[in-house]
């Protein structure tokens, strides 16, 4: 989903449904260098609309990061 901030537009991908229903699954994919200073708040606003405020708060308090992919431009 293209997401617009004052600095420009960045792509945001949200995956909610697991392949295996026995596992919890939630994924957010974006490029932080393209989202600008307001991008983080824009992501929270979208998550509030998609999931609701309580589930988003639960993500921050009870969620676990199980994978983090980093890329460095040299």
N, C-alpha and C. Protein backbone atom coordinates (compact mmCIF):
# COMPACT_ATOMS: atom_id res chain seq x y z
N UNK A 1 0.85 -1.15 0.00
CA UNK A 1 0.00 0.00 0.00
C UNK A 1 0.90 1.23 0.00
N UNK A 2 0.83 2.08 -1.02
CA UNK A 2 1.63 3.31 -1.01
C UNK A 2 1.13 4.23 0.10
N UNK A 3 2.05 4.75 0.88
CA UNK A 3 1.72 5.59 2.02
C UNK A 3 2.39 6.94 1.83
N UNK A 4 1.61 8.02 1.94
CA UNK A 4 2.10 9.36 1.65
C UNK A 4 2.44 10.10 2.94
N UNK A 5 3.65 10.69 3.00
CA UNK A 5 4.04 11.57 4.09
C UNK A 5 4.49 12.88 3.46
N UNK A 6 4.82 13.87 4.29
CA UNK A 6 5.29 15.15 3.76
C UNK A 6 6.57 14.98 2.97
N UNK A 7 7.39 13.98 3.33
CA UNK A 7 8.66 13.75 2.66
C UNK A 7 8.50 12.98 1.35
N UNK A 8 7.35 12.36 1.14
CA UNK A 8 7.15 11.59 -0.08
C UNK A 8 6.29 10.37 0.17
N UNK A 9 6.38 9.43 -0.73
CA UNK A 9 5.57 8.21 -0.67
C UNK A 9 6.48 7.02 -0.40
N UNK A 10 6.04 6.12 0.49
CA UNK A 10 6.79 4.87 0.72
C UNK A 10 5.81 3.71 0.70
N UNK A 11 6.31 2.52 0.36
CA UNK A 11 5.48 1.32 0.32
C UNK A 11 5.43 0.68 1.69
N UNK A 12 4.23 0.23 2.05
CA UNK A 12 4.01 -0.44 3.33
C UNK A 12 3.26 -1.73 3.05
N UNK A 13 3.81 -2.85 3.49
CA UNK A 13 3.14 -4.14 3.32
C UNK A 13 2.82 -4.71 4.69
N UNK A 14 1.56 -5.07 4.90
CA UNK A 14 1.12 -5.66 6.16
C UNK A 14 0.55 -7.04 5.86
N UNK A 15 1.10 -8.07 6.51
CA UNK A 15 0.60 -9.44 6.38
C UNK A 15 0.09 -9.88 7.74
N UNK A 16 -1.13 -10.39 7.79
CA UNK A 16 -1.74 -10.73 9.06
C UNK A 16 -2.01 -12.23 9.20
N UNK A 17 -2.39 -12.88 8.15
CA UNK A 17 -2.83 -14.28 8.25
C UNK A 17 -1.67 -15.25 8.10
N UNK A 18 -1.57 -16.23 9.02
CA UNK A 18 -0.47 -17.20 8.97
C UNK A 18 -0.74 -18.32 7.97
N UNK A 19 0.31 -18.94 7.53
CA UNK A 19 0.20 -20.16 6.74
C UNK A 19 -0.26 -21.30 7.64
N UNK A 20 0.26 -21.33 8.86
CA UNK A 20 -0.09 -22.33 9.86
C UNK A 20 -0.90 -21.64 10.95
N UNK A 21 -2.18 -21.94 11.08
CA UNK A 21 -3.07 -21.25 12.02
C UNK A 21 -2.68 -21.48 13.49
N UNK A 22 -1.81 -22.47 13.76
CA UNK A 22 -1.38 -22.72 15.13
C UNK A 22 -0.37 -21.67 15.60
N UNK A 23 0.21 -20.90 14.67
CA UNK A 23 1.20 -19.88 15.00
C UNK A 23 0.60 -18.50 14.84
N UNK A 24 0.98 -17.59 15.72
CA UNK A 24 0.62 -16.19 15.54
C UNK A 24 1.47 -15.63 14.41
N UNK A 25 0.91 -14.74 13.63
CA UNK A 25 1.66 -14.21 12.50
C UNK A 25 1.23 -12.78 12.22
N UNK A 26 2.20 -11.89 12.19
CA UNK A 26 1.96 -10.52 11.81
C UNK A 26 3.26 -9.97 11.26
N UNK A 27 3.22 -9.38 10.09
CA UNK A 27 4.44 -8.88 9.47
C UNK A 27 4.19 -7.49 8.91
N UNK A 28 5.15 -6.59 9.13
CA UNK A 28 5.13 -5.26 8.55
C UNK A 28 6.43 -5.11 7.77
N UNK A 29 6.32 -4.71 6.52
CA UNK A 29 7.51 -4.53 5.70
C UNK A 29 7.49 -3.13 5.11
N UNK A 30 8.60 -2.41 5.29
CA UNK A 30 8.74 -1.06 4.75
C UNK A 30 10.22 -0.69 4.72
N UNK A 31 10.55 0.36 3.99
CA UNK A 31 11.90 0.87 3.91
C UNK A 31 11.98 2.12 4.78
N UNK A 32 12.64 2.07 5.94
CA UNK A 32 12.65 3.22 6.85
C UNK A 32 13.33 4.45 6.26
N UNK A 33 14.26 4.28 5.33
CA UNK A 33 14.93 5.44 4.75
C UNK A 33 14.00 6.23 3.83
N UNK A 34 12.89 5.63 3.40
CA UNK A 34 11.95 6.31 2.53
C UNK A 34 10.72 6.86 3.26
N UNK A 35 10.53 6.50 4.53
CA UNK A 35 9.29 6.87 5.19
C UNK A 35 9.30 8.27 5.80
N UNK A 36 10.45 8.89 5.96
CA UNK A 36 10.51 10.25 6.48
C UNK A 36 10.19 10.34 7.96
N UNK A 37 10.16 11.55 8.48
CA UNK A 37 9.99 11.75 9.92
C UNK A 37 8.57 11.45 10.40
N UNK A 38 7.57 11.57 9.53
CA UNK A 38 6.18 11.29 9.93
C UNK A 38 5.74 9.88 9.58
N UNK A 39 6.60 9.10 8.97
CA UNK A 39 6.22 7.76 8.53
C UNK A 39 5.85 6.82 9.65
N UNK A 40 6.55 6.89 10.78
CA UNK A 40 6.24 6.03 11.91
C UNK A 40 4.84 6.28 12.45
N UNK A 41 4.47 7.53 12.56
CA UNK A 41 3.12 7.86 13.01
C UNK A 41 2.08 7.42 11.98
N UNK A 42 2.41 7.55 10.72
CA UNK A 42 1.49 7.12 9.66
C UNK A 42 1.27 5.61 9.72
N UNK A 43 2.32 4.84 9.99
CA UNK A 43 2.19 3.39 10.14
C UNK A 43 1.28 3.06 11.32
N UNK A 44 1.47 3.75 12.45
CA UNK A 44 0.59 3.52 13.61
C UNK A 44 -0.86 3.84 13.29
N UNK A 45 -1.10 4.92 12.56
CA UNK A 45 -2.47 5.27 12.17
C UNK A 45 -3.11 4.19 11.31
N UNK A 46 -2.33 3.66 10.36
CA UNK A 46 -2.85 2.59 9.48
C UNK A 46 -3.13 1.33 10.29
N UNK A 47 -2.22 0.97 11.20
CA UNK A 47 -2.42 -0.22 12.03
C UNK A 47 -3.65 -0.07 12.92
N UNK A 48 -3.86 1.14 13.46
CA UNK A 48 -5.07 1.39 14.26
C UNK A 48 -6.33 1.15 13.43
N UNK A 49 -6.31 1.58 12.17
CA UNK A 49 -7.48 1.39 11.29
C UNK A 49 -7.68 -0.08 10.93
N UNK A 50 -6.58 -0.79 10.67
CA UNK A 50 -6.66 -2.18 10.23
C UNK A 50 -6.98 -3.13 11.39
N UNK A 51 -6.29 -2.96 12.51
CA UNK A 51 -6.40 -3.91 13.63
C UNK A 51 -7.23 -3.40 14.79
N UNK A 52 -7.27 -2.10 14.98
CA UNK A 52 -7.90 -1.52 16.16
C UNK A 52 -6.86 -1.12 17.17
N UNK A 53 -7.21 -0.19 18.05
CA UNK A 53 -6.24 0.38 19.00
C UNK A 53 -5.73 -0.64 20.02
N UNK A 54 -6.62 -1.47 20.57
CA UNK A 54 -6.19 -2.44 21.60
C UNK A 54 -5.23 -3.47 21.05
N UNK A 55 -5.50 -4.10 19.89
CA UNK A 55 -4.53 -5.05 19.35
C UNK A 55 -3.17 -4.41 19.03
N UNK A 56 -3.18 -3.16 18.56
CA UNK A 56 -1.91 -2.49 18.26
C UNK A 56 -1.13 -2.25 19.56
N UNK A 57 -1.82 -1.83 20.61
CA UNK A 57 -1.15 -1.65 21.91
C UNK A 57 -0.59 -2.97 22.40
N UNK A 58 -1.33 -4.06 22.20
CA UNK A 58 -0.86 -5.40 22.61
C UNK A 58 0.37 -5.82 21.81
N UNK A 59 0.44 -5.44 20.55
CA UNK A 59 1.64 -5.73 19.74
C UNK A 59 2.88 -5.13 20.40
N UNK A 60 2.75 -3.90 20.90
CA UNK A 60 3.90 -3.22 21.50
C UNK A 60 4.25 -3.78 22.88
N UNK A 61 3.26 -4.23 23.63
CA UNK A 61 3.55 -4.71 24.98
C UNK A 61 3.87 -6.21 25.02
N UNK A 62 3.23 -7.02 24.16
CA UNK A 62 3.39 -8.47 24.22
C UNK A 62 4.03 -9.08 22.97
N UNK A 63 4.21 -8.28 21.93
CA UNK A 63 4.76 -8.82 20.68
C UNK A 63 6.23 -9.17 20.79
N UNK A 64 6.66 -10.16 20.01
CA UNK A 64 8.06 -10.56 19.95
C UNK A 64 8.56 -10.37 18.53
N UNK A 65 9.75 -9.82 18.41
CA UNK A 65 10.38 -9.73 17.10
C UNK A 65 11.11 -11.05 16.89
N UNK A 66 10.72 -11.79 15.87
CA UNK A 66 11.34 -13.09 15.60
C UNK A 66 12.24 -13.04 14.37
N UNK A 67 12.17 -11.93 13.63
CA UNK A 67 13.03 -11.81 12.46
C UNK A 67 13.21 -10.34 12.14
N UNK A 68 14.42 -9.97 11.82
CA UNK A 68 14.72 -8.59 11.42
C UNK A 68 15.73 -8.67 10.29
N UNK A 69 15.37 -8.16 9.13
CA UNK A 69 16.26 -8.16 7.98
C UNK A 69 16.83 -6.76 7.80
N UNK A 70 18.13 -6.67 7.67
CA UNK A 70 18.80 -5.39 7.49
C UNK A 70 19.59 -5.40 6.19
N UNK A 71 19.64 -4.27 5.54
CA UNK A 71 20.44 -4.10 4.33
C UNK A 71 21.26 -2.84 4.47
N UNK A 72 22.52 -2.91 4.10
CA UNK A 72 23.40 -1.76 4.18
C UNK A 72 23.92 -1.45 2.78
N UNK A 73 23.76 -0.20 2.37
CA UNK A 73 24.31 0.23 1.08
C UNK A 73 25.76 0.68 1.29
N UNK A 74 26.65 0.09 0.51
CA UNK A 74 28.09 0.41 0.65
C UNK A 74 28.54 1.17 -0.59
